[in-house]
Structure formats: structure tokens, C-alpha cells
């Protein structure tokens, strides 16, 4: 095992630098346009491990020996230690869920399968997962209902079947098309899908009161998904739960894909064998790092001033700061410099700064695209707030009027070029709200000499 680790290591040291190794691995496998995306997945794995350390000291699925009681026999994250990261007195959830937005054929599924493909994925090891020596992984179905994802109850009040969210506790769940979850929420049988998604990805809680009983449990899965721009929907606070990756597609990149496929098809057997050896080494690293963190955990967290200053940038929204803080925790967990038994120091290294800058750029490209659309379409325009909501509903939220209200509150109210004014008209009836998109011009004061001449 040590020899494989050494061969896969790009630093020539006993401890693998997983960031450099993964870049070498995807380069030799001829992956296209993944240099700024692979680190996000590695940090997500790191935050998943840290979240297990922080929250899995009390596991709800420990086998009890009772018949009919759901249990997970073995889990790599199970332990009996106290939590160590409790901001505001609460046990923080540090999972970093990922949502990739890109055109069809841009490589979203390629990234998910790189880590989660059955048996060949870098995180997939079903036999080892069964004995608590690896993570549980799964690529979700193309169609799913709320009951299939979160569970329902029979006439006796017992949870039926094995809902996917509960089954994947402590593991990684991928969806090649996130719209399979979003579209299910629009159907009569799955109207509560969005609410359960919000709570399960935020704090792990699934809680439904039904006629025959309760569906209630805690789950700690990490979700990775992809979606196309036309199907991208992040209303109801979903954007606060997901780290956004933007994948561009153009004719030049399509040609690069074709050339990469030709190189992959002509790869020699020797090179394929070397890549298999790297695959084994990377898989072993993920398992060993998880066990190392659980068995020899840090005693606390410490963020340096350079990192805090980066978070204070105006481009980072207040609700996004915690996502980037989780990313930095994951980076420190996966770093070759990780040492347990002391405070985990999150330092702003040049590599971490580049990861943060790349991720912020991708998030702004995605999240501010709709904002730019509204700004361009209605610049220097005054209208009633109700008309604006209708336009937002038509152009952005796919006809969902309530979602358009949330979108305006989350995105427009904080902009310096957006203002609202309540009508001062007297009389009965509801006073309307007028909005102006643009910079209000201050009234021009006449020069003093002009005033004197007029007098």
C-alpha cells in the first residue's frame, strides 16, 4: 500500500498531496477544463469528513439488535467523540453540497462519475463501505418521488422501504440531473420535496407529520448534482445550501473533447496500468485520511487574518461567507500538512486563495446572470412592484410568483441601484409600492449668482 501511495504522490513525500496528485491524474486521463473544479470536490470530501467528526459522535443508526429497526451496520465516520466546532452554541453542519451548471455535453456527469461511478469511481468501494472502511456512494435515479427520497409511512406508522436520504447517511449521493428533484416537487405526490431538501442538506433533519405517523430521522449525506442553464432553479433558499460550479461550453472546447477522446482510445496498456495504480492509491488516501481525522482529530479551529479579510470582500455576500468558510475547512482537512491533536489552522496559502478566487468568479457568473438580465432590461425604469414581480416571474422563476418575491428580496433589495418607495397618496385602499431601477439623480442646485440675479 505504501508503494502505491508513493507512486501516486507528486511530491515525493510519504504523505500524498491530493490536490497535485488529482491534477496529475486528470491530466493523464485527458480530462478537459477541470483544473478549477477538481479542488472543489476535494474540499467537499474534506468538509464531509470534518462534518462526520463534528456531528457523528451520536449516530442515530447504530445497530440495536431489534428486528425491523433501520440501522447502518458499519460507517467510516462513526465515533464517540464530542463536537469541536460550535459557532453560536450550535453544532455546525459543514457539508459542502455541489451544483454544477452547464450545457448538455459540457462534462457535468463526467465529474460526478469520476468520483461516484459504481466500482470505478475514486470514492466508490462497496465492499469496503459495508465493513466501515470506505464511504457509501451512489448515483441517484433519473426519476424519484418525495417518498422515494425521504420516505413515507404505512398504516402502522412505520417508514416504508429504504428512502434514499436515510440509506445514504454518511455517504455521497450524486444526481446527473438536479431537475429530477426539482420537477418532482411540482407534482401532487411530492409537493414537500423542496422543504425536505432544504432541511436535509442544511442540518440533516427530515421531519414529516403524516396521517398514519411520523417520518423523522437525521441524515448526513453530501449531495453532488448537475443541471442545465434552462433548468437551473435556486429559489426558496436552495442557493444557500449549494456551492455553485459554472461549466462553460463553446466550439473550441467541443473540439478539445474530441481530441481527448481520441487520446483516451489510443492509450497504451502500460499507461492504463499506471493509472490503475494511481486510482488505487487515491482511493486508499481518501479512506486513510478519513480514519486519521476521526482517530486523531484536531482540538479546534483557527482562521488566519488573511482568510478573514478575503471573506470581507464586498463581492462575497453575507450568506455565502459560510460556504467559503466550509471550503477552507475542507482544504485544511485534505492538506498534506494536516496534523491531529492540535488546532486546525486554516491559513490563506496561494493555492487556497486561487481556489477561493476561482470559485467566487464561478458563483458570480451564475448567481448574478439573472441580476444582469433584470438590470439591463429595466435600467432607468420606474414601475410598480407588482409589475416587477410579474416580469421576474416570467423571465427568471418560471412563472412562480412566490419565488419571484423571494428572488427580489434576496437579490435586488441589497443593490445600490434599486430603490423602493411607498405611495403617499391619501384615500382608502392599499398603498402601492413603486420601484426604480437605476441611480436616482440628485436635484441640481442653481448657482448662487443665478439666484441673486433672479431676485
Protein backbone atom coordinates (compact mmCIF):
# COMPACT_ATOMS: atom_id res chain seq x y z
CA UNK A 1 0.00 0.00 0.00
CA UNK A 2 2.84 2.37 0.82
CA UNK A 3 4.45 1.78 -2.58
CA UNK A 4 1.22 2.67 -4.37
CA UNK A 5 0.90 5.82 -2.32
CA UNK A 6 4.44 6.80 -3.20
CA UNK A 7 3.91 6.21 -6.91
CA UNK A 8 0.72 8.28 -6.94
CA UNK A 9 2.32 11.08 -4.95
CA UNK A 10 3.59 14.00 -6.98
CA UNK A 11 5.66 15.49 -4.15
CA UNK A 12 8.00 12.61 -3.48
CA UNK A 13 6.97 12.53 0.20
CA UNK A 14 5.26 9.85 2.30
CA UNK A 15 2.12 11.99 2.60
CA UNK A 16 0.26 12.39 -0.67
CA UNK A 17 -0.57 15.91 -1.80
CA UNK A 18 -4.02 15.00 -3.05
CA UNK A 19 -4.52 18.32 -4.88
CA UNK A 20 -1.39 17.89 -7.01
CA UNK A 21 -2.00 14.16 -7.44
CA UNK A 22 -5.55 14.67 -8.68
CA UNK A 23 -4.43 17.32 -11.17
CA UNK A 24 -1.82 14.87 -12.47
CA UNK A 25 -4.41 12.09 -12.59
CA UNK A 26 -6.99 14.04 -14.62
CA UNK A 27 -4.29 15.39 -16.95
CA UNK A 28 -3.01 11.91 -17.74
CA UNK A 29 -6.61 10.74 -18.25
CA UNK A 30 -7.18 13.66 -20.67
CA UNK A 31 -9.99 15.36 -18.76
CA UNK A 32 -10.88 18.79 -20.19
CA UNK A 33 -11.47 22.02 -18.25
CA UNK A 34 -11.47 20.54 -14.74
CA UNK A 35 -8.42 22.26 -13.19
CA UNK A 36 -10.54 24.77 -11.25
CA UNK A 37 -13.28 22.26 -10.41
CA UNK A 38 -11.40 19.26 -9.01
CA UNK A 39 -10.24 21.22 -5.90
CA UNK A 40 -13.88 21.99 -5.04
CA UNK A 41 -14.75 18.28 -4.99
CA UNK A 42 -11.68 17.52 -2.86
CA UNK A 43 -12.64 20.25 -0.38
CA UNK A 44 -16.19 18.87 -0.32
CA UNK A 45 -14.78 15.48 0.67
CA UNK A 46 -12.75 17.21 3.39
CA UNK A 47 -15.80 19.04 4.77
CA UNK A 48 -17.74 15.76 4.71
CA UNK A 49 -15.05 14.13 6.85
CA UNK A 50 -14.97 17.11 9.24
CA UNK A 51 -18.76 17.12 9.48
CA UNK A 52 -18.65 13.46 10.47
CA UNK A 53 -16.10 14.30 13.14
CA UNK A 54 -18.25 17.17 14.42
CA UNK A 55 -21.70 15.53 14.32
CA UNK A 56 -21.39 11.74 14.13
CA UNK A 57 -20.46 11.23 17.78
CA UNK A 58 -24.15 10.49 18.26
CA UNK A 59 -25.14 8.18 15.40
CA UNK A 60 -28.89 7.56 15.05
CA UNK A 61 -28.39 4.34 13.10
CA UNK A 62 -26.25 2.23 15.45
CA UNK A 63 -27.47 -1.41 15.31
CA UNK A 64 -29.59 -2.28 18.35
CA UNK A 65 -30.41 -5.90 17.57
CA UNK A 66 -34.13 -5.18 17.40
CA UNK A 67 -35.98 -6.60 14.42
CA UNK A 68 -37.35 -4.08 11.93
CA UNK A 69 -35.26 -1.14 13.22
CA UNK A 70 -33.26 0.60 10.49
CA UNK A 71 -29.52 0.50 11.15
CA UNK A 72 -26.25 1.03 9.34
CA UNK A 73 -24.02 -1.80 10.46
CA UNK A 74 -20.69 -0.07 9.87
CA UNK A 75 -19.76 3.51 8.98
CA UNK A 76 -16.32 5.02 8.47
CA UNK A 77 -17.45 8.23 10.22
CA UNK A 78 -18.90 6.60 13.38
CA UNK A 79 -17.14 7.52 16.65
CA UNK A 80 -17.88 8.57 20.24
CA UNK A 81 -16.12 11.95 20.46
CA UNK A 82 -17.66 15.29 21.42
CA UNK A 83 -18.22 18.02 18.78
CA UNK A 84 -15.49 20.64 18.44
CA UNK A 85 -16.97 23.29 16.11
CA UNK A 86 -19.96 25.00 17.74
CA UNK A 87 -20.42 28.60 16.49
CA UNK A 88 -23.26 30.44 18.28
CA UNK A 89 -23.59 27.45 20.61
CA UNK A 90 -24.85 25.09 17.90
CA UNK A 91 -23.14 22.05 16.39
CA UNK A 92 -22.29 23.32 12.91
CA UNK A 93 -23.04 21.33 9.80
CA UNK A 94 -20.08 21.73 7.42
CA UNK A 95 -21.15 19.64 4.44
CA UNK A 96 -20.40 21.31 1.10
CA UNK A 97 -23.03 20.29 -1.46
CA UNK A 98 -22.13 20.99 -5.09
CA UNK A 99 -24.36 22.00 -8.01
CA UNK A 100 -22.79 22.24 -11.46
CA UNK A 101 -24.45 24.35 -14.15
CA UNK A 102 -23.51 23.68 -17.75
CA UNK A 103 -24.86 22.99 -21.21
CA UNK A 104 -25.58 19.48 -22.40
CA UNK A 105 -22.30 17.67 -23.05
CA UNK A 106 -20.20 20.11 -21.00
CA UNK A 107 -18.88 17.43 -18.64
CA UNK A 108 -21.11 17.57 -15.55
CA UNK A 109 -21.71 13.82 -15.46
CA UNK A 110 -18.02 13.20 -16.15
CA UNK A 111 -17.08 14.89 -12.88
CA UNK A 112 -19.75 13.05 -10.88
CA UNK A 113 -18.70 9.70 -12.34
CA UNK A 114 -15.03 10.45 -11.72
CA UNK A 115 -15.75 10.10 -8.00
CA UNK A 116 -19.04 8.19 -7.72
CA UNK A 117 -19.31 5.79 -10.68
CA UNK A 118 -20.11 2.30 -9.33
CA UNK A 119 -16.85 0.47 -8.51
CA UNK A 120 -14.65 2.62 -10.80
CA UNK A 121 -15.26 5.96 -9.06
CA UNK A 122 -12.47 7.26 -6.84
CA UNK A 123 -14.78 7.21 -3.80
CA UNK A 124 -16.64 4.03 -4.72
CA UNK A 125 -15.70 0.88 -2.82
CA UNK A 126 -18.91 -1.02 -1.95
CA UNK A 127 -17.28 -3.99 -0.22
CA UNK A 128 -15.13 -1.77 2.00
CA UNK A 129 -18.08 0.52 2.71
CA UNK A 130 -20.04 -2.45 4.04
CA UNK A 131 -17.38 -3.00 6.73
CA UNK A 132 -16.86 0.69 7.55
CA UNK A 133 -13.62 1.10 5.59
CA UNK A 134 -14.92 3.43 2.86
CA UNK A 135 -17.76 5.85 2.10
CA UNK A 136 -21.13 4.75 0.79
CA UNK A 137 -21.68 6.21 -2.67
CA UNK A 138 -24.50 6.17 -5.18
CA UNK A 139 -25.60 7.92 -8.37
CA UNK A 140 -29.29 8.65 -7.89
CA UNK A 141 -32.09 7.67 -10.28
CA UNK A 142 -33.26 9.83 -13.18
CA UNK A 143 -36.75 9.95 -11.69
CA UNK A 144 -37.63 9.99 -8.00
CA UNK A 145 -40.57 10.88 -5.75
CA UNK A 146 -40.56 12.54 -2.36
CA UNK A 147 -41.41 9.19 -0.75
CA UNK A 148 -38.53 7.52 -2.55
CA UNK A 149 -36.11 10.23 -1.47
CA UNK A 150 -37.24 10.89 2.11
CA UNK A 151 -39.76 8.16 2.98
CA UNK A 152 -43.41 7.62 3.79
CA UNK A 153 -45.30 5.54 6.36
CA UNK A 154 -47.68 2.58 6.15
CA UNK A 155 -50.93 2.15 8.08
CA UNK A 156 -48.98 1.03 11.17
CA UNK A 157 -46.95 4.27 11.15
CA UNK A 158 -43.73 2.54 10.07
CA UNK A 159 -41.41 4.02 7.44
CA UNK A 160 -41.82 2.01 4.25
CA UNK A 161 -38.89 0.72 2.21
CA UNK A 162 -35.46 2.32 2.36
CA UNK A 163 -35.65 6.05 1.49
CA UNK A 164 -32.54 7.18 -0.33
CA UNK A 165 -31.68 10.09 2.01
CA UNK A 166 -31.66 7.80 5.05
CA UNK A 167 -29.86 5.00 3.22
CA UNK A 168 -27.03 7.35 2.19
CA UNK A 169 -26.33 8.82 5.63
CA UNK A 170 -22.58 9.40 5.88
CA UNK A 171 -22.09 8.92 2.14
CA UNK A 172 -22.04 10.77 -1.15
CA UNK A 173 -25.11 10.96 -3.40
CA UNK A 174 -24.88 12.18 -7.00
CA UNK A 175 -27.61 13.27 -9.40
CA UNK A 176 -26.65 13.74 -13.03
CA UNK A 177 -29.70 15.99 -13.45
CA UNK A 178 -30.81 18.03 -10.45
CA UNK A 179 -34.10 18.81 -12.19
CA UNK A 180 -35.27 15.27 -11.34
CA UNK A 181 -35.57 16.52 -7.75
CA UNK A 182 -36.89 19.98 -8.63
CA UNK A 183 -39.52 18.66 -11.06
CA UNK A 184 -40.77 16.12 -8.51
CA UNK A 185 -41.63 18.99 -6.14
CA UNK A 186 -44.13 20.29 -8.73
CA UNK A 187 -46.17 17.08 -8.70
CA UNK A 188 -49.05 16.43 -6.34
CA UNK A 189 -47.44 13.38 -4.74
CA UNK A 190 -44.17 15.21 -3.93
CA UNK A 191 -45.10 18.79 -3.03
CA UNK A 192 -42.94 18.69 0.13
CA UNK A 193 -39.77 17.68 -1.74
CA UNK A 194 -38.27 21.20 -1.65
CA UNK A 195 -38.80 21.68 2.10
CA UNK A 196 -37.24 18.32 2.92
CA UNK A 197 -34.33 19.09 0.58
CA UNK A 198 -33.74 22.39 2.36
CA UNK A 199 -33.59 20.90 5.85
CA UNK A 200 -31.78 17.67 4.99
CA UNK A 201 -28.99 19.48 3.12
CA UNK A 202 -28.76 22.19 5.77
CA UNK A 203 -28.79 20.39 9.13
CA UNK A 204 -29.62 16.80 8.13
CA UNK A 205 -33.12 16.78 9.61
CA UNK A 206 -36.00 15.02 7.86
CA UNK A 207 -39.31 15.53 9.62
CA UNK A 208 -42.79 14.91 8.19
CA UNK A 209 -46.06 14.56 10.09
CA UNK A 210 -48.42 12.26 8.17
CA UNK A 211 -51.86 10.84 8.81
CA UNK A 212 -50.60 7.43 9.88
CA UNK A 213 -47.45 8.56 11.70
CA UNK A 214 -44.18 10.48 11.52
CA UNK A 215 -41.23 10.28 9.16
CA UNK A 216 -38.44 11.56 11.38
CA UNK A 217 -34.70 10.91 11.22
CA UNK A 218 -31.34 12.63 10.76
CA UNK A 219 -29.13 12.06 7.74
CA UNK A 220 -25.67 13.33 6.81
CA UNK A 221 -25.25 12.69 3.10
CA UNK A 222 -23.38 15.06 0.78
CA UNK A 223 -25.14 15.84 -2.50
CA UNK A 224 -23.41 16.50 -5.84
CA UNK A 225 -25.58 17.30 -8.86
CA UNK A 226 -25.59 18.86 -12.30
CA UNK A 227 -28.16 20.86 -14.23
CA UNK A 228 -28.57 22.73 -17.49
CA UNK A 229 -28.95 26.54 -17.55
CA UNK A 230 -32.58 26.35 -18.69
CA UNK A 231 -33.40 24.08 -15.73
CA UNK A 232 -31.41 26.00 -13.14
CA UNK A 233 -33.69 26.84 -10.21
CA UNK A 234 -32.33 28.04 -6.87
CA UNK A 235 -35.35 29.62 -5.21
CA UNK A 236 -36.52 29.02 -1.62
CA UNK A 237 -33.02 29.42 -0.20
CA UNK A 238 -31.55 26.46 -2.09
CA UNK A 239 -28.62 28.64 -3.24
CA UNK A 240 -27.51 28.98 0.38
CA UNK A 241 -27.06 25.20 0.61
CA UNK A 242 -25.11 24.61 -2.61
CA UNK A 243 -21.69 25.54 -3.85
CA UNK A 244 -22.07 26.57 -7.48
CA UNK A 245 -19.70 25.42 -10.25
CA UNK A 246 -20.07 27.05 -13.66
CA UNK A 247 -19.06 24.94 -16.67
CA UNK A 248 -18.76 26.81 -19.95
CA UNK A 249 -19.25 25.19 -23.36
CA UNK A 250 -18.11 26.52 -26.74
CA UNK A 251 -16.99 25.13 -30.13
CA UNK A 252 -13.31 25.24 -29.11
CA UNK A 253 -13.98 23.18 -26.02
CA UNK A 254 -16.06 20.71 -28.02
CA UNK A 255 -13.07 20.16 -30.31
CA UNK A 256 -10.86 19.60 -27.25
CA UNK A 257 -13.31 16.92 -26.09
CA UNK A 258 -13.00 15.13 -29.43
CA UNK A 259 -9.20 15.23 -29.33
CA UNK A 260 -9.20 13.98 -25.72
CA UNK A 261 -11.45 11.06 -26.66
CA UNK A 262 -9.02 10.11 -29.45
CA UNK A 263 -6.11 10.15 -26.99
CA UNK A 264 -8.04 8.10 -24.44
CA UNK A 265 -8.91 5.49 -27.06
CA UNK A 266 -5.24 5.12 -28.10
CA UNK A 267 -3.78 4.93 -24.59
CA UNK A 268 -1.19 2.17 -24.17
CA UNK A 269 -1.67 -0.76 -21.78
CA UNK A 270 1.34 0.35 -19.77
CA UNK A 271 -0.14 3.78 -19.22
CA UNK A 272 -3.52 2.30 -18.33
CA UNK A 273 -1.85 0.07 -15.74
CA UNK A 274 -0.06 3.08 -14.22
CA UNK A 275 -3.35 4.96 -13.99
CA UNK A 276 -4.99 1.98 -12.28
CA UNK A 277 -2.20 2.06 -9.72
CA UNK A 278 -2.82 5.79 -9.20
CA UNK A 279 -6.54 5.08 -8.79
CA UNK A 280 -5.85 2.57 -6.04
CA UNK A 281 -3.51 5.00 -4.30
CA UNK A 282 -6.08 7.83 -4.40
CA UNK A 283 -8.83 5.56 -3.08
CA UNK A 284 -6.59 4.49 -0.22
CA UNK A 285 -5.78 8.12 0.57
CA UNK A 286 -9.45 9.05 0.98
CA UNK A 287 -10.02 6.15 3.36
CA UNK A 288 -6.83 6.75 5.33
CA UNK A 289 -7.41 10.49 5.67
CA UNK A 290 -10.96 9.93 6.96
CA UNK A 291 -9.75 7.40 9.53
CA UNK A 292 -6.82 9.63 10.52
CA UNK A 293 -9.09 12.61 11.19
CA UNK A 294 -11.61 10.53 13.15
CA UNK A 295 -8.97 8.72 15.23
CA UNK A 296 -6.64 11.71 15.72
CA UNK A 297 -8.90 14.78 15.46
CA UNK A 298 -7.93 18.45 15.83
CA UNK A 299 -8.78 20.18 19.09
CA UNK A 300 -10.35 23.25 17.48
CA UNK A 301 -10.27 25.64 14.53
CA UNK A 302 -8.29 28.79 13.82
CA UNK A 303 -8.69 31.05 10.75
CA UNK A 304 -5.88 33.47 9.95
CA UNK A 305 -6.48 37.17 9.27
CA UNK A 306 -5.71 36.92 5.57
CA UNK A 307 -8.57 34.47 5.13
CA UNK A 308 -10.98 36.60 7.15
CA UNK A 309 -10.04 39.65 5.07
CA UNK A 310 -10.86 37.69 1.91
CA UNK A 311 -14.33 36.92 3.31
CA UNK A 312 -14.90 40.62 3.99
CA UNK A 313 -14.68 41.44 0.27
CA UNK A 314 -17.88 43.13 -0.96
CA UNK A 315 -18.19 40.51 -3.74
CA UNK A 316 -18.83 37.85 -1.07
CA UNK A 317 -22.43 38.05 0.12
CA UNK A 318 -23.11 37.55 3.81
CA UNK A 319 -24.99 34.28 3.27
CA UNK A 320 -22.14 32.99 1.08
CA UNK A 321 -19.37 33.56 3.61
CA UNK A 322 -20.12 30.33 5.47
CA UNK A 323 -19.93 28.32 2.24
CA UNK A 324 -16.43 29.64 1.57
CA UNK A 325 -15.51 29.02 5.21
CA UNK A 326 -16.54 25.39 4.80
CA UNK A 327 -14.47 25.18 1.63
CA UNK A 328 -11.41 26.36 3.57
CA UNK A 329 -12.04 23.79 6.33
CA UNK A 330 -12.19 21.05 3.71
CA UNK A 331 -8.95 22.30 2.17
CA UNK A 332 -7.18 22.14 5.54
CA UNK A 333 -8.51 18.61 6.21
CA UNK A 334 -7.22 17.35 2.84
CA UNK A 335 -3.92 19.22 3.05
CA UNK A 336 -0.69 17.19 3.23
CA UNK A 337 0.19 19.33 6.26
CA UNK A 338 -2.73 18.02 8.33
CA UNK A 339 -1.68 17.05 11.87
CA UNK A 340 -4.18 15.93 14.50
CA UNK A 341 -4.06 16.62 18.21
CA UNK A 342 -3.81 20.42 17.81
CA UNK A 343 -5.88 23.30 16.48
CA UNK A 344 -6.65 23.03 12.77
CA UNK A 345 -5.06 26.15 11.28
CA UNK A 346 -6.80 27.45 8.17
CA UNK A 347 -4.16 29.61 6.52
CA UNK A 348 -4.51 31.60 3.32
CA UNK A 349 -1.98 29.82 1.15
CA UNK A 350 -1.52 30.83 -2.52
CA UNK A 351 -3.25 27.60 -3.55
CA UNK A 352 -6.25 28.23 -1.27
CA UNK A 353 -6.50 31.83 -2.47
CA UNK A 354 -6.62 30.67 -6.10
CA UNK A 355 -9.32 28.11 -5.27
CA UNK A 356 -11.38 30.76 -3.50
CA UNK A 357 -10.96 33.33 -6.29
CA UNK A 358 -11.90 30.79 -8.98
CA UNK A 359 -14.96 29.66 -7.03
CA UNK A 360 -16.13 33.22 -6.35
CA UNK A 361 -15.84 34.04 -10.05
CA UNK A 362 -17.91 30.98 -11.00
CA UNK A 363 -20.56 31.75 -8.40
CA UNK A 364 -20.89 35.37 -9.50
CA UNK A 365 -21.19 34.29 -13.15
CA UNK A 366 -24.11 32.02 -12.26
CA UNK A 367 -25.90 33.85 -9.48
CA UNK A 368 -25.56 37.35 -10.98
CA UNK A 369 -26.58 36.35 -14.51
CA UNK A 370 -30.30 36.84 -13.76
CA UNK A 371 -29.49 40.04 -11.90
CA UNK A 372 -27.76 41.41 -15.00
CA UNK A 373 -30.78 40.44 -17.11
CA UNK A 374 -33.16 42.50 -14.94
CA UNK A 375 -30.71 45.40 -14.71
CA UNK A 376 -30.23 45.54 -18.48
CA UNK A 377 -33.91 45.14 -19.36
CA UNK A 378 -35.28 47.77 -16.95
CA UNK A 379 -32.43 50.24 -16.44
CA UNK A 380 -33.67 53.75 -15.59
CA UNK A 381 -37.22 52.42 -15.39
CA UNK A 382 -39.85 53.15 -12.75
CA UNK A 383 -42.73 50.70 -12.28
CA UNK A 384 -44.97 49.27 -9.63
CA UNK A 385 -43.54 46.45 -7.53
CA UNK A 386 -46.35 44.14 -8.63
CA UNK A 387 -45.39 44.63 -12.29
CA UNK A 388 -41.75 43.96 -11.47
CA UNK A 389 -42.70 40.73 -9.74
CA UNK A 390 -44.66 39.65 -12.81
CA UNK A 391 -41.62 40.33 -15.01
CA UNK A 392 -39.30 38.44 -12.66
CA UNK A 393 -41.76 35.55 -12.59
CA UNK A 394 -41.86 35.50 -16.40
CA UNK A 395 -38.13 35.91 -17.02
CA UNK A 396 -36.47 34.09 -14.11
CA UNK A 397 -38.63 31.92 -11.84
CA UNK A 398 -40.58 30.02 -14.50
CA UNK A 399 -43.95 31.53 -13.63
CA UNK A 400 -43.66 31.06 -9.85
CA UNK A 401 -44.93 34.36 -8.39
CA UNK A 402 -44.00 33.50 -4.79
CA UNK A 403 -40.49 32.56 -5.88
CA UNK A 404 -40.19 35.91 -7.66
CA UNK A 405 -40.86 37.68 -4.34
CA UNK A 406 -38.06 35.74 -2.67
CA UNK A 407 -35.76 36.45 -5.60
CA UNK A 408 -36.35 40.20 -5.35
CA UNK A 409 -35.75 40.16 -1.60
CA UNK A 410 -32.56 38.12 -1.90
CA UNK A 411 -31.04 39.84 -4.92
CA UNK A 412 -32.46 43.29 -5.64
CA UNK A 413 -33.00 44.87 -2.22
CA UNK A 414 -29.27 44.88 -1.50
CA UNK A 415 -28.33 46.61 -4.77
CA UNK A 416 -27.40 50.33 -4.63
CA UNK A 417 -29.17 50.94 -7.96
CA UNK A 418 -32.52 49.52 -6.78
CA UNK A 419 -34.92 51.58 -4.68
CA UNK A 420 -38.49 51.26 -3.47
CA UNK A 421 -40.91 53.98 -2.40
CA UNK A 422 -44.36 53.57 -0.92
CA UNK A 423 -47.03 55.80 -2.37
CA UNK A 424 -48.10 58.73 -0.17
CA UNK A 425 -51.45 59.14 -1.90
CA UNK A 426 -54.31 59.71 0.52
CA UNK A 427 -57.57 57.86 0.45
CA UNK A 428 -58.81 54.38 1.06
CA UNK A 429 -57.32 51.23 -0.36
CA UNK A 430 -53.93 49.60 -0.29
CA UNK A 431 -51.00 51.91 -0.97
CA UNK A 432 -48.78 50.58 -3.75
CA UNK A 433 -45.01 50.36 -3.85
CA UNK A 434 -43.11 51.97 -6.70
CA UNK A 435 -39.64 50.71 -7.65
CA UNK A 436 -36.87 52.40 -9.61
CA UNK A 437 -34.01 50.51 -11.28
CA UNK A 438 -31.15 52.92 -11.81
CA UNK A 439 -29.29 55.60 -9.91
CA UNK A 440 -31.56 58.41 -8.77
CA UNK A 441 -30.15 61.74 -9.89
CA UNK A 442 -29.93 64.34 -7.10
CA UNK A 443 -31.69 67.63 -7.95
CA UNK A 444 -29.28 70.18 -9.38
CA UNK A 445 -28.94 73.25 -7.14
CA UNK A 446 -28.76 76.55 -9.10
CA UNK A 447 -25.62 78.64 -8.72
CA UNK A 448 -25.75 81.43 -6.09
CA UNK A 449 -25.18 84.21 -8.65
CA UNK A 450 -28.10 82.96 -10.74
CA UNK A 451 -30.35 83.07 -7.69
CA UNK A 452 -29.28 86.67 -6.88
CA UNK A 453 -29.97 87.84 -10.44
CA UNK A 454 -33.39 86.25 -10.35
CA UNK A 455 -34.19 88.06 -7.12
